[in-house]
Amino acid sequence: MDGRIARERGRCLRETRSSWWAANKAFLKGRNTYQQIETKTGVPWWFVGLCHYRESHFDFNTYLGNGQALGKITTIVPKGRGPFLGANAFVDGAVDGDSGFAADLTIALRQTLDYEDGHGRMK
């Protein structure tokens, strides 16, 4: 039984490493696009990439704010955004005015960085 458990643990570890490397490659592949969003919004490129993974597993055909298709008007929060079309659709969707993903993300980042953790304010 111990040998079987060890083999299963080894298999799980290999799968985890494989998934991690695939996600890491996709994350770095999108860096230039994330940096365009950072330039326009001030949101760090790496944080944009992490949100992109969370919302759509690095699918550039989806809205960064909720993972819905860029070519359609969004139906979940944030509702009523888009459609975003063309070569810059992903970036356009991410920086969509005062009510777009980047505006919400900037507010969320500020709140997170100002979070009171019991040891004083983080800055």
Protein backbone atom coordinates (compact mmCIF):
# COMPACT_ATOMS: atom_id res chain seq x y z
CA MET A 1 0.00 0.00 0.00
CA ASP A 2 2.84 2.46 0.79
CA GLY A 3 4.34 1.94 -2.68
CA ARG A 4 1.00 2.66 -4.31
CA ILE A 5 0.61 5.89 -2.35
CA ALA A 6 4.14 6.98 -3.27
CA ARG A 7 3.47 6.33 -6.97
CA GLU A 8 0.23 8.34 -6.79
CA ARG A 9 2.00 11.23 -5.07
CA GLY A 10 4.69 11.17 -7.75
CA ARG A 11 2.08 11.22 -10.52
CA CYS A 12 0.28 14.17 -8.90
CA LEU A 13 3.54 16.07 -8.52
CA ARG A 14 4.42 15.56 -12.21
CA GLU A 15 0.96 16.78 -13.28
CA THR A 16 1.24 19.84 -11.04
CA ARG A 17 4.66 20.74 -12.42
CA SER A 18 3.43 20.31 -15.98
CA SER A 19 0.41 22.55 -15.34
CA TRP A 20 2.56 25.14 -13.60
CA TRP A 21 5.02 25.33 -16.49
CA ALA A 22 2.20 25.67 -19.03
CA ALA A 23 0.61 28.50 -17.04
CA ASN A 24 3.97 30.20 -16.58
CA LYS A 25 4.66 30.12 -20.33
CA ALA A 26 1.21 31.56 -21.12
CA PHE A 27 1.68 34.25 -18.46
CA LEU A 28 5.02 35.38 -19.90
CA LYS A 29 3.72 35.17 -23.48
CA GLY A 30 1.08 37.79 -22.60
CA ARG A 31 3.51 40.14 -20.87
CA ASN A 32 3.65 42.72 -23.68
CA THR A 33 -0.14 42.98 -23.73
CA TYR A 34 -0.30 43.24 -19.94
CA GLN A 35 2.33 45.99 -20.08
CA GLN A 36 0.15 47.96 -22.52
CA ILE A 37 -2.62 47.84 -19.91
CA GLU A 38 -0.17 48.84 -17.18
CA THR A 39 0.95 51.87 -19.23
CA LYS A 40 -2.64 53.03 -19.66
CA THR A 41 -3.89 52.30 -16.13
CA GLY A 42 -0.98 52.05 -13.70
CA VAL A 43 -2.04 48.53 -12.69
CA PRO A 44 1.11 46.35 -12.53
CA TRP A 45 1.45 44.07 -15.57
CA TRP A 46 1.98 40.96 -13.46
CA PHE A 47 -1.24 41.60 -11.55
CA VAL A 48 -3.15 42.04 -14.81
CA GLY A 49 -1.72 38.67 -15.92
CA LEU A 50 -2.80 36.97 -12.70
CA CYS A 51 -6.32 38.34 -13.12
CA HIS A 52 -6.33 37.19 -16.74
CA TYR A 53 -5.48 33.67 -15.61
CA ARG A 54 -8.19 33.77 -12.95
CA GLU A 55 -10.90 35.01 -15.31
CA SER A 56 -10.18 33.00 -18.45
CA HIS A 57 -6.97 30.95 -18.24
CA PHE A 58 -5.16 33.41 -20.53
CA ASP A 59 -7.79 33.49 -23.30
CA PHE A 60 -7.27 36.80 -25.14
CA ASN A 61 -10.70 36.51 -26.75
CA THR A 62 -12.40 37.20 -23.44
CA TYR A 63 -13.07 40.32 -21.39
CA LEU A 64 -10.55 40.71 -18.59
CA GLY A 65 -13.21 41.87 -16.14
CA ASN A 66 -15.33 38.72 -16.19
CA GLY A 67 -14.12 36.21 -18.79
CA GLN A 68 -17.02 36.70 -21.22
CA ALA A 69 -16.50 36.92 -24.99
CA LEU A 70 -15.10 40.25 -26.19
CA GLY A 71 -17.36 40.41 -29.24
CA LYS A 72 -20.56 40.54 -27.17
CA ILE A 73 -22.00 42.90 -24.58
CA THR A 74 -21.27 41.55 -21.10
CA THR A 75 -24.20 40.11 -19.15
CA ILE A 76 -22.51 39.62 -15.77
CA VAL A 77 -20.67 42.13 -13.58
CA PRO A 78 -19.51 44.39 -15.02
CA LYS A 79 -22.70 44.35 -17.11
CA GLY A 80 -23.18 46.18 -20.38
CA ARG A 81 -19.53 46.52 -21.42
CA GLY A 82 -18.46 46.05 -25.02
CA PRO A 83 -18.50 44.69 -27.54
CA PHE A 84 -14.77 45.05 -28.10
CA LEU A 85 -13.53 44.27 -31.58
CA GLY A 86 -10.32 44.44 -33.58
CA ALA A 87 -6.66 43.82 -32.94
CA ASN A 88 -6.65 45.76 -29.64
CA ALA A 89 -9.94 44.39 -28.32
CA PHE A 90 -8.40 42.81 -25.20
CA VAL A 91 -6.58 45.99 -24.16
CA ASP A 92 -9.55 48.19 -25.09
CA GLY A 93 -11.81 46.07 -22.91
CA ALA A 94 -9.40 46.18 -19.99
CA VAL A 95 -9.09 49.97 -20.03
CA ASP A 96 -12.75 50.68 -20.81
CA GLY A 97 -13.33 54.09 -19.25
CA ASP A 98 -14.24 54.82 -15.64
CA SER A 99 -16.38 51.72 -15.29
CA GLY A 100 -14.05 49.23 -16.94
CA PHE A 101 -12.02 46.45 -15.42
CA ALA A 102 -8.93 48.58 -14.86
CA ALA A 103 -10.87 51.23 -12.93
CA ASP A 104 -12.38 48.56 -10.68
CA LEU A 105 -9.02 46.87 -10.32
CA THR A 106 -7.26 50.12 -9.38
CA ILE A 107 -9.80 50.68 -6.60
CA ALA A 108 -9.44 47.07 -5.42
CA LEU A 109 -5.64 47.30 -5.42
CA ARG A 110 -5.73 50.49 -3.37
CA GLN A 111 -8.11 48.91 -0.88
CA THR A 112 -5.93 45.80 -0.65
CA LEU A 113 -2.74 47.78 -0.15
CA ASP A 114 -4.43 49.91 2.53
CA TYR A 115 -5.81 46.83 4.30
CA GLU A 116 -5.69 47.01 8.08
CA ASP A 117 -4.16 43.72 9.24
CA GLY A 118 -3.98 44.39 12.95
CA HIS A 119 -0.35 45.54 12.77
CA GLY A 120 -1.06 48.99 11.38
CA ARG A 121 -1.74 50.21 7.89
CA MET A 122 0.22 48.64 5.05
CA LYS A 123 1.71 51.14 2.61
